[in-house]
């Protein structure tokens, strides 16, 4: 296996793992909606319910922060995988 493939694969797989963690945290966040707030009330908003204490309990907002952090990390790893692929191909 070439270094190009190995490095890109490792970064891409790390991105997948962090994306899964983001989705798990998002699902945990949904379990902490306040009474009377439906899934649709949160999901179909333009702001996505981001940092809204009138929609989520404090525990849900903590899971929301974790989901956001891991979602951004997954994008970063995928971009690094693409960059590594291109840079190592030029060698």
PDB file of N, CA and C in Angstrom:
ATOM      1  N   UNK A   1       0.854  -1.172   0.000  1.00  0.00           N
ATOM      2  CA  UNK A   1       0.000   0.000   0.000  1.00  0.00           C
ATOM      3  C   UNK A   1       0.901   1.237   0.000  1.00  0.00           C
ATOM      4  N   UNK A   2       0.604   2.154  -0.876  1.00  0.00           N
ATOM      5  CA  UNK A   2       1.423   3.362  -0.995  1.00  0.00           C
ATOM      6  C   UNK A   2       1.138   4.314   0.174  1.00  0.00           C
ATOM      7  N   UNK A   3       2.087   5.169   0.483  1.00  0.00           N
ATOM      8  CA  UNK A   3       1.858   6.158   1.546  1.00  0.00           C
ATOM      9  C   UNK A   3       0.652   7.054   1.249  1.00  0.00           C
ATOM     10  N   UNK A   4       0.439   7.374  -0.009  1.00  0.00           N
ATOM     11  CA  UNK A   4      -0.698   8.202  -0.399  1.00  0.00           C
ATOM     12  C   UNK A   4      -2.010   7.554   0.024  1.00  0.00           C
ATOM     13  N   UNK A   5      -2.156   6.297  -0.285  1.00  0.00           N
ATOM     14  CA  UNK A   5      -3.385   5.578   0.047  1.00  0.00           C
ATOM     15  C   UNK A   5      -3.499   5.398   1.564  1.00  0.00           C
ATOM     16  N   UNK A   6      -2.403   5.028   2.211  1.00  0.00           N
ATOM     17  CA  UNK A   6      -2.438   4.754   3.644  1.00  0.00           C
ATOM     18  C   UNK A   6      -2.813   5.988   4.460  1.00  0.00           C
ATOM     19  N   UNK A   7      -2.172   7.107   4.167  1.00  0.00           N
ATOM     20  CA  UNK A   7      -2.445   8.335   4.926  1.00  0.00           C
ATOM     21  C   UNK A   7      -3.866   8.825   4.648  1.00  0.00           C
ATOM     22  N   UNK A   8      -4.262   8.842   3.392  1.00  0.00           N
ATOM     23  CA  UNK A   8      -5.612   9.306   3.042  1.00  0.00           C
ATOM     24  C   UNK A   8      -6.678   8.403   3.636  1.00  0.00           C
ATOM     25  N   UNK A   9      -6.435   7.100   3.607  1.00  0.00           N
ATOM     26  CA  UNK A   9      -7.383   6.151   4.170  1.00  0.00           C
ATOM     27  C   UNK A   9      -7.518   6.341   5.680  1.00  0.00           C
ATOM     28  N   UNK A  10      -6.395   6.501   6.354  1.00  0.00           N
ATOM     29  CA  UNK A  10      -6.419   6.706   7.800  1.00  0.00           C
ATOM     30  C   UNK A  10      -7.181   7.984   8.170  1.00  0.00           C
ATOM     31  N   UNK A  11      -6.906   9.062   7.467  1.00  0.00           N
ATOM     32  CA  UNK A  11      -7.612  10.313   7.742  1.00  0.00           C
ATOM     33  C   UNK A  11      -9.104  10.209   7.401  1.00  0.00           C
ATOM     34  N   UNK A  12      -9.417   9.564   6.294  1.00  0.00           N
ATOM     35  CA  UNK A  12     -10.819   9.393   5.908  1.00  0.00           C
ATOM     36  C   UNK A  12     -11.590   8.541   6.901  1.00  0.00           C
ATOM     37  N   UNK A  13     -10.978   7.447   7.357  1.00  0.00           N
ATOM     38  CA  UNK A  13     -11.645   6.595   8.345  1.00  0.00           C
ATOM     39  C   UNK A  13     -11.815   7.307   9.684  1.00  0.00           C
ATOM     40  N   UNK A  14     -10.830   8.113  10.052  1.00  0.00           N
ATOM     41  CA  UNK A  14     -10.965   8.902  11.275  1.00  0.00           C
ATOM     42  C   UNK A  14     -12.122   9.887  11.140  1.00  0.00           C
ATOM     43  N   UNK A  15     -12.287  10.446   9.969  1.00  0.00           N
ATOM     44  CA  UNK A  15     -13.425  11.328   9.709  1.00  0.00           C
ATOM     45  C   UNK A  15     -14.751  10.603   9.830  1.00  0.00           C
ATOM     46  N   UNK A  16     -14.802   9.370   9.375  1.00  0.00           N
ATOM     47  CA  UNK A  16     -16.035   8.582   9.500  1.00  0.00           C
ATOM     48  C   UNK A  16     -16.350   8.312  10.965  1.00  0.00           C
ATOM     49  N   UNK A  17     -15.336   7.946  11.730  1.00  0.00           N
ATOM     50  CA  UNK A  17     -15.548   7.669  13.162  1.00  0.00           C
ATOM     51  C   UNK A  17     -16.061   8.917  13.879  1.00  0.00           C
ATOM     52  N   UNK A  18     -15.447  10.076  13.605  1.00  0.00           N
ATOM     53  CA  UNK A  18     -15.910  11.290  14.282  1.00  0.00           C
ATOM     54  C   UNK A  18     -17.309  11.693  13.813  1.00  0.00           C
ATOM     55  N   UNK A  19     -17.657  11.408  12.569  1.00  0.00           N
ATOM     56  CA  UNK A  19     -19.014  11.688  12.098  1.00  0.00           C
ATOM     57  C   UNK A  19     -20.032  10.805  12.815  1.00  0.00           C
ATOM     58  N   UNK A  20     -19.681   9.548  13.039  1.00  0.00           N
ATOM     59  CA  UNK A  20     -20.572   8.642  13.782  1.00  0.00           C
ATOM     60  C   UNK A  20     -20.771   9.153  15.211  1.00  0.00           C
ATOM     61  N   UNK A  21     -19.690   9.599  15.838  1.00  0.00           N
ATOM     62  CA  UNK A  21     -19.797  10.149  17.195  1.00  0.00           C
ATOM     63  C   UNK A  21     -20.694  11.386  17.191  1.00  0.00           C
ATOM     64  N   UNK A  22     -20.590  12.221  16.159  1.00  0.00           N
ATOM     65  CA  UNK A  22     -21.447  13.406  16.057  1.00  0.00           C
ATOM     66  C   UNK A  22     -22.920  13.010  15.957  1.00  0.00           C
ATOM     67  N   UNK A  23     -23.216  12.018  15.145  1.00  0.00           N
ATOM     68  CA  UNK A  23     -24.604  11.578  14.980  1.00  0.00           C
ATOM     69  C   UNK A  23     -25.134  10.980  16.286  1.00  0.00           C
ATOM     70  N   UNK A  24     -24.316  10.195  16.967  1.00  0.00           N
ATOM     71  CA  UNK A  24     -24.736   9.612  18.251  1.00  0.00           C
ATOM     72  C   UNK A  24     -25.064  10.722  19.245  1.00  0.00           C
ATOM     73  N   UNK A  25     -24.227  11.749  19.306  1.00  0.00           N
ATOM     74  CA  UNK A  25     -24.491  12.861  20.221  1.00  0.00           C
ATOM     75  C   UNK A  25     -25.737  13.643  19.819  1.00  0.00           C
ATOM     76  N   UNK A  26     -25.981  13.769  18.532  1.00  0.00           N
ATOM     77  CA  UNK A  26     -27.191  14.448  18.079  1.00  0.00           C
ATOM     78  C   UNK A  26     -28.430  13.666  18.488  1.00  0.00           C
ATOM     79  N   UNK A  27     -28.357  12.351  18.373  1.00  0.00           N
ATOM     80  CA  UNK A  27     -29.500  11.526  18.778  1.00  0.00           C
ATOM     81  C   UNK A  27     -29.718  11.620  20.297  1.00  0.00           C
ATOM     82  N   UNK A  28     -28.635  11.659  21.059  1.00  0.00           N
ATOM     83  CA  UNK A  28     -28.758  11.831  22.513  1.00  0.00           C
ATOM     84  C   UNK A  28     -29.363  13.191  22.836  1.00  0.00           C
ATOM     85  N   UNK A  29     -28.990  14.199  22.081  1.00  0.00           N
ATOM     86  CA  UNK A  29     -29.543  15.540  22.270  1.00  0.00           C
ATOM     87  C   UNK A  29     -31.061  15.510  22.118  1.00  0.00           C
ATOM     88  N   UNK A  30     -31.547  14.780  21.124  1.00  0.00           N
ATOM     89  CA  UNK A  30     -32.985  14.728  20.863  1.00  0.00           C
ATOM     90  C   UNK A  30     -33.763  14.130  22.034  1.00  0.00           C
ATOM     91  N   UNK A  31     -33.107  13.288  22.829  1.00  0.00           N
ATOM     92  CA  UNK A  31     -33.781  12.687  23.983  1.00  0.00           C
ATOM     93  C   UNK A  31     -34.013  13.694  25.105  1.00  0.00           C
ATOM     94  N   UNK A  32     -33.408  14.860  25.008  1.00  0.00           N
ATOM     95  CA  UNK A  32     -33.517  15.863  26.061  1.00  0.00           C
ATOM     96  C   UNK A  32     -34.316  17.083  25.618  1.00  0.00           C
ATOM     97  N   UNK A  33     -35.258  16.863  24.688  1.00  0.00           N
ATOM     98  CA  UNK A  33     -36.179  17.946  24.339  1.00  0.00           C
ATOM     99  C   UNK A  33     -37.088  18.209  25.522  1.00  0.00           C
ATOM    100  N   UNK A  34     -37.490  19.446  25.674  1.00  0.00           N
ATOM    101  CA  UNK A  34     -38.406  19.783  26.757  1.00  0.00           C
ATOM    102  C   UNK A  34     -39.789  19.208  26.462  1.00  0.00           C
ATOM    103  N   UNK A  35     -40.600  18.989  27.495  1.00  0.00           N
ATOM    104  CA  UNK A  35     -41.948  18.454  27.272  1.00  0.00           C
ATOM    105  C   UNK A  35     -42.751  19.343  26.319  1.00  0.00           C
ATOM    106  N   UNK A  36     -43.423  18.695  25.394  1.00  0.00           N
ATOM    107  CA  UNK A  36     -44.249  19.400  24.424  1.00  0.00           C
ATOM    108  C   UNK A  36     -43.510  19.826  23.163  1.00  0.00           C
ATOM    109  N   UNK A  37     -42.211  19.644  23.114  1.00  0.00           N
ATOM    110  CA  UNK A  37     -41.419  20.006  21.929  1.00  0.00           C
ATOM    111  C   UNK A  37     -41.218  18.736  21.108  1.00  0.00           C
ATOM    112  N   UNK A  38     -41.703  18.755  19.889  1.00  0.00           N
ATOM    113  CA  UNK A  38     -41.589  17.562  19.052  1.00  0.00           C
ATOM    114  C   UNK A  38     -40.284  17.577  18.252  1.00  0.00           C
ATOM    115  N   UNK A  39     -39.995  16.435  17.674  1.00  0.00           N
ATOM    116  CA  UNK A  39     -38.818  16.306  16.814  1.00  0.00           C
ATOM    117  C   UNK A  39     -38.914  17.295  15.652  1.00  0.00           C
ATOM    118  N   UNK A  40     -40.094  17.415  15.078  1.00  0.00           N
ATOM    119  CA  UNK A  40     -40.297  18.337  13.949  1.00  0.00           C
ATOM    120  C   UNK A  40     -40.106  19.781  14.388  1.00  0.00           C
ATOM    121  N   UNK A  41     -40.535  20.125  15.604  1.00  0.00           N
ATOM    122  CA  UNK A  41     -40.357  21.492  16.104  1.00  0.00           C
ATOM    123  C   UNK A  41     -38.886  21.888  16.125  1.00  0.00           C
ATOM    124  N   UNK A  42     -38.030  20.936  16.388  1.00  0.00           N
ATOM    125  CA  UNK A  42     -36.595  21.205  16.490  1.00  0.00           C
ATOM    126  C   UNK A  42     -35.919  21.081  15.133  1.00  0.00           C
ATOM    127  N   UNK A  43     -36.257  20.041  14.389  1.00  0.00           N
ATOM    128  CA  UNK A  43     -35.525  19.695  13.168  1.00  0.00           C
ATOM    129  C   UNK A  43     -35.808  20.651  12.021  1.00  0.00           C
ATOM    130  N   UNK A  44     -37.031  21.089  11.858  1.00  0.00           N
ATOM    131  CA  UNK A  44     -37.392  21.878  10.685  1.00  0.00           C
ATOM    132  C   UNK A  44     -37.235  23.377  10.891  1.00  0.00           C
ATOM    133  N   UNK A  45     -36.574  23.791  11.963  1.00  0.00           N
ATOM    134  CA  UNK A  45     -36.305  25.208  12.204  1.00  0.00           C
ATOM    135  C   UNK A  45     -35.112  25.651  11.357  1.00  0.00           C
ATOM    136  N   UNK A  46     -35.090  26.899  10.991  1.00  0.00           N
ATOM    137  CA  UNK A  46     -33.938  27.416  10.241  1.00  0.00           C
ATOM    138  C   UNK A  46     -32.675  27.344  11.068  1.00  0.00           C
ATOM    139  N   UNK A  47     -32.795  27.602  12.375  1.00  0.00           N
ATOM    140  CA  UNK A  47     -31.610  27.583  13.234  1.00  0.00           C
ATOM    141  C   UNK A  47     -31.316  26.185  13.773  1.00  0.00           C
ATOM    142  N   UNK A  48     -32.148  25.197  13.453  1.00  0.00           N
ATOM    143  CA  UNK A  48     -31.919  23.829  13.890  1.00  0.00           C
ATOM    144  C   UNK A  48     -32.012  23.644  15.399  1.00  0.00           C
ATOM    145  N   UNK A  49     -32.580  24.629  16.077  1.00  0.00           N
ATOM    146  CA  UNK A  49     -32.685  24.532  17.534  1.00  0.00           C
ATOM    147  C   UNK A  49     -31.366  24.805  18.228  1.00  0.00           C
ATOM    148  N   UNK A  50     -30.443  25.402  17.507  1.00  0.00           N
ATOM    149  CA  UNK A  50     -29.095  25.613  18.031  1.00  0.00           C
ATOM    150  C   UNK A  50     -29.112  26.533  19.238  1.00  0.00           C
ATOM    151  N   UNK A  51     -28.601  26.016  20.357  1.00  0.00           N
ATOM    152  CA  UNK A  51     -28.439  26.745  21.606  1.00  0.00           C
ATOM    153  C   UNK A  51     -29.747  27.346  22.108  1.00  0.00           C
ATOM    154  N   UNK A  52     -30.823  26.623  21.957  1.00  0.00           N
ATOM    155  CA  UNK A  52     -32.136  27.108  22.363  1.00  0.00           C
ATOM    156  C   UNK A  52     -32.555  26.401  23.647  1.00  0.00           C
ATOM    157  N   UNK A  53     -32.475  27.126  24.756  1.00  0.00           N
ATOM    158  CA  UNK A  53     -32.855  26.514  26.030  1.00  0.00           C
ATOM    159  C   UNK A  53     -34.367  26.448  26.201  1.00  0.00           C
ATOM    160  N   UNK A  54     -35.121  27.023  25.266  1.00  0.00           N
ATOM    161  CA  UNK A  54     -36.571  26.853  25.312  1.00  0.00           C
ATOM    162  C   UNK A  54     -37.000  25.573  24.581  1.00  0.00           C
ATOM    163  N   UNK A  55     -36.042  24.893  23.948  1.00  0.00           N
ATOM    164  CA  UNK A  55     -36.331  23.641  23.256  1.00  0.00           C
ATOM    165  C   UNK A  55     -35.688  22.440  23.940  1.00  0.00           C
ATOM    166  N   UNK A  56     -34.503  22.652  24.529  1.00  0.00           N
ATOM    167  CA  UNK A  56     -33.736  21.550  25.104  1.00  0.00           C
ATOM    168  C   UNK A  56     -33.389  21.804  26.562  1.00  0.00           C
ATOM    169  N   UNK A  57     -33.302  20.722  27.307  1.00  0.00           N
ATOM    170  CA  UNK A  57     -32.781  20.782  28.667  1.00  0.00           C
ATOM    171  C   UNK A  57     -31.276  21.025  28.600  1.00  0.00           C
ATOM    172  N   UNK A  58     -30.655  21.459  29.681  1.00  0.00           N
ATOM    173  CA  UNK A  58     -29.204  21.692  29.666  1.00  0.00           C
ATOM    174  C   UNK A  58     -28.399  20.470  29.208  1.00  0.00           C
ATOM    175  N   UNK A  59     -28.849  19.274  29.537  1.00  0.00           N
ATOM    176  CA  UNK A  59     -28.147  18.069  29.099  1.00  0.00           C
ATOM    177  C   UNK A  59     -28.174  17.955  27.580  1.00  0.00           C
ATOM    178  N   UNK A  60     -29.311  18.283  26.987  1.00  0.00           N
ATOM    179  CA  UNK A  60     -29.434  18.239  25.530  1.00  0.00           C
ATOM    180  C   UNK A  60     -28.530  19.247  24.853  1.00  0.00           C
ATOM    181  N   UNK A  61     -28.409  20.427  25.443  1.00  0.00           N
ATOM    182  CA  UNK A  61     -27.523  21.442  24.885  1.00  0.00           C
ATOM    183  C   UNK A  61     -26.063  21.012  24.981  1.00  0.00           C
ATOM    184  N   UNK A  62     -25.716  20.276  26.043  1.00  0.00           N
ATOM    185  CA  UNK A  62     -24.349  19.753  26.162  1.00  0.00           C
ATOM    186  C   UNK A  62     -24.077  18.727  25.059  1.00  0.00           C
ATOM    187  N   UNK A  63     -25.053  17.858  24.784  1.00  0.00           N
ATOM    188  CA  UNK A  63     -24.888  16.905  23.682  1.00  0.00           C
ATOM    189  C   UNK A  63     -24.825  17.629  22.339  1.00  0.00           C
ATOM    190  N   UNK A  64     -25.554  18.731  22.216  1.00  0.00           N
ATOM    191  CA  UNK A  64     -25.528  19.511  20.984  1.00  0.00           C
ATOM    192  C   UNK A  64     -24.125  20.078  20.735  1.00  0.00           C
ATOM    193  N   UNK A  65     -23.483  20.578  21.785  1.00  0.00           N
ATOM    194  CA  UNK A  65     -22.115  21.088  21.648  1.00  0.00           C
ATOM    195  C   UNK A  65     -21.159  19.984  21.214  1.00  0.00           C
ATOM    196  N   UNK A  66     -21.325  18.795  21.798  1.00  0.00           N
ATOM    197  CA  UNK A  66     -20.466  17.668  21.420  1.00  0.00           C
ATOM    198  C   UNK A  66     -20.708  17.264  19.964  1.00  0.00           C
ATOM    199  N   UNK A  67     -21.959  17.224  19.555  1.00  0.00           N
ATOM    200  CA  UNK A  67     -22.276  16.864  18.170  1.00  0.00           C
ATOM    201  C   UNK A  67     -21.654  17.859  17.207  1.00  0.00           C
ATOM    202  N   UNK A  68     -21.730  19.125  17.531  1.00  0.00           N
ATOM    203  CA  UNK A  68     -21.148  20.151  16.673  1.00  0.00           C
ATOM    204  C   UNK A  68     -19.633  20.005  16.585  1.00  0.00           C
ATOM    205  N   UNK A  69     -19.005  19.785  17.726  1.00  0.00           N
ATOM    206  CA  UNK A  69     -17.549  19.650  17.749  1.00  0.00           C
ATOM    207  C   UNK A  69     -17.094  18.471  16.899  1.00  0.00           C
ATOM    208  N   UNK A  70     -17.728  17.322  17.067  1.00  0.00           N
ATOM    209  CA  UNK A  70     -17.317  16.145  16.314  1.00  0.00           C
ATOM    210  C   UNK A  70     -17.707  16.239  14.839  1.00  0.00           C
ATOM    211  N   UNK A  71     -18.788  16.924  14.533  1.00  0.00           N
ATOM    212  CA  UNK A  71     -19.152  17.137  13.134  1.00  0.00           C
ATOM    213  C   UNK A  71     -18.113  17.982  12.409  1.00  0.00           C
ATOM    214  N   UNK A  72     -17.654  19.040  13.071  1.00  0.00           N
ATOM    215  CA  UNK A  72     -16.613  19.871  12.470  1.00  0.00           C
ATOM    216  C   UNK A  72     -15.293  19.115  12.352  1.00  0.00           C
ATOM    217  N   UNK A  73     -14.984  18.298  13.345  1.00  0.00           N
ATOM    218  CA  UNK A  73     -13.765  17.481  13.266  1.00  0.00           C
ATOM    219  C   UNK A  73     -13.819  16.510  12.095  1.00  0.00           C
ATOM    220  N   UNK A  74     -14.985  15.933  11.851  1.00  0.00           N
ATOM    221  CA  UNK A  74     -15.089  14.991  10.730  1.00  0.00           C
ATOM    222  C   UNK A  74     -14.837  15.703   9.404  1.00  0.00           C
ATOM    223  N   UNK A  75     -15.376  16.902   9.245  1.00  0.00           N
ATOM    224  CA  UNK A  75     -15.118  17.669   8.023  1.00  0.00           C
ATOM    225  C   UNK A  75     -13.633  17.963   7.886  1.00  0.00           C
ATOM    226  N   UNK A  76     -13.005  18.341   8.990  1.00  0.00           N
ATOM    227  CA  UNK A  76     -11.572  18.626   8.972  1.00  0.00           C
ATOM    228  C   UNK A  76     -10.774  17.397   8.536  1.00  0.00           C
ATOM    229  N   UNK A  77     -11.089  16.229   9.095  1.00  0.00           N
ATOM    230  CA  UNK A  77     -10.368  15.014   8.716  1.00  0.00           C
ATOM    231  C   UNK A  77     -10.577  14.670   7.251  1.00  0.00           C
ATOM    232  N   UNK A  78     -11.790  14.853   6.735  1.00  0.00           N
ATOM    233  CA  UNK A  78     -12.039  14.562   5.330  1.00  0.00           C
ATOM    234  C   UNK A  78     -11.284  15.525   4.418  1.00  0.00           C
ATOM    235  N   UNK A  79     -11.229  16.793   4.798  1.00  0.00           N
ATOM    236  CA  UNK A  79     -10.457  17.749   4.009  1.00  0.00           C
ATOM    237  C   UNK A  79      -8.974  17.411   4.042  1.00  0.00           C
ATOM    238  N   UNK A  80      -8.474  17.023   5.219  1.00  0.00           N
ATOM    239  CA  UNK A  80      -7.075  16.621   5.323  1.00  0.00           C
ATOM    240  C   UNK A  80      -6.790  15.375   4.482  1.00  0.00           C
ATOM    241  N   UNK A  81      -7.755  14.465   4.407  1.00  0.00           N
ATOM    242  CA  UNK A  81      -7.577  13.270   3.579  1.00  0.00           C
ATOM    243  C   UNK A  81      -7.447  13.649   2.106  1.00  0.00           C
ATOM    244  N   UNK A  82      -8.267  14.590   1.664  1.00  0.00           N
ATOM    245  CA  UNK A  82      -8.190  15.039   0.271  1.00  0.00           C
ATOM    246  C   UNK A  82      -6.863  15.754   0.016  1.00  0.00           C
ATOM    247  N   UNK A  83      -6.479  16.616   0.944  1.00  0.00           N
ATOM    248  CA  UNK A  83      -5.219  17.345   0.789  1.00  0.00           C
ATOM    249  C   UNK A  83      -4.042  16.368   0.765  1.00  0.00           C
ATOM    250  N   UNK A  84      -4.051  15.391   1.676  1.00  0.00           N
ATOM    251  CA  UNK A  84      -2.973  14.399   1.704  1.00  0.00           C
ATOM    252  C   UNK A  84      -2.923  13.618   0.400  1.00  0.00           C
ATOM    253  N   UNK A  85      -4.068  13.262  -0.136  1.00  0.00           N
ATOM    254  CA  UNK A  85      -4.120  12.516  -1.396  1.00  0.00           C
ATOM    255  C   UNK A  85      -3.456  13.317  -2.517  1.00  0.00           C
ATOM    256  N   UNK A  86      -3.797  14.592  -2.594  1.00  0.00           N
ATOM    257  CA  UNK A  86      -3.263  15.444  -3.663  1.00  0.00           C
ATOM    258  C   UNK A  86      -1.773  15.698  -3.466  1.00  0.00           C
ATOM    259  N   UNK A  87      -1.382  16.011  -2.233  1.00  0.00           N
ATOM    260  CA  UNK A  87       0.022  16.326  -1.974  1.00  0.00           C
ATOM    261  C   UNK A  87       0.913  15.109  -2.187  1.00  0.00           C
ATOM    262  N   UNK A  88       0.471  13.970  -1.695  1.00  0.00           N
ATOM    263  CA  UNK A  88       1.285  12.762  -1.831  1.00  0.00           C
ATOM    264  C   UNK A  88       1.279  12.218  -3.258  1.00  0.00           C
ATOM    265  N   UNK A  89       0.287  12.585  -4.048  1.00  0.00           N
ATOM    266  CA  UNK A  89       0.265  12.170  -5.459  1.00  0.00           C
ATOM    267  C   UNK A  89       1.303  12.924  -6.267  1.00  0.00           C
ATOM    268  N   UNK A  90       1.620  14.138  -5.812  1.00  0.00           N
ATOM    269  CA  UNK A  90       2.584  14.969  -6.533  1.00  0.00           C
ATOM    270  C   UNK A  90       4.019  14.533  -6.296  1.00  0.00           C
ATOM    271  N   UNK A  91       4.241  13.648  -5.351  1.00  0.00           N
ATOM    272  CA  UNK A  91       5.607  13.191  -5.029  1.00  0.00           C
ATOM    273  C   UNK A  91       6.128  12.245  -6.046  1.00  0.00           C
TER     274      UNK A  91
END
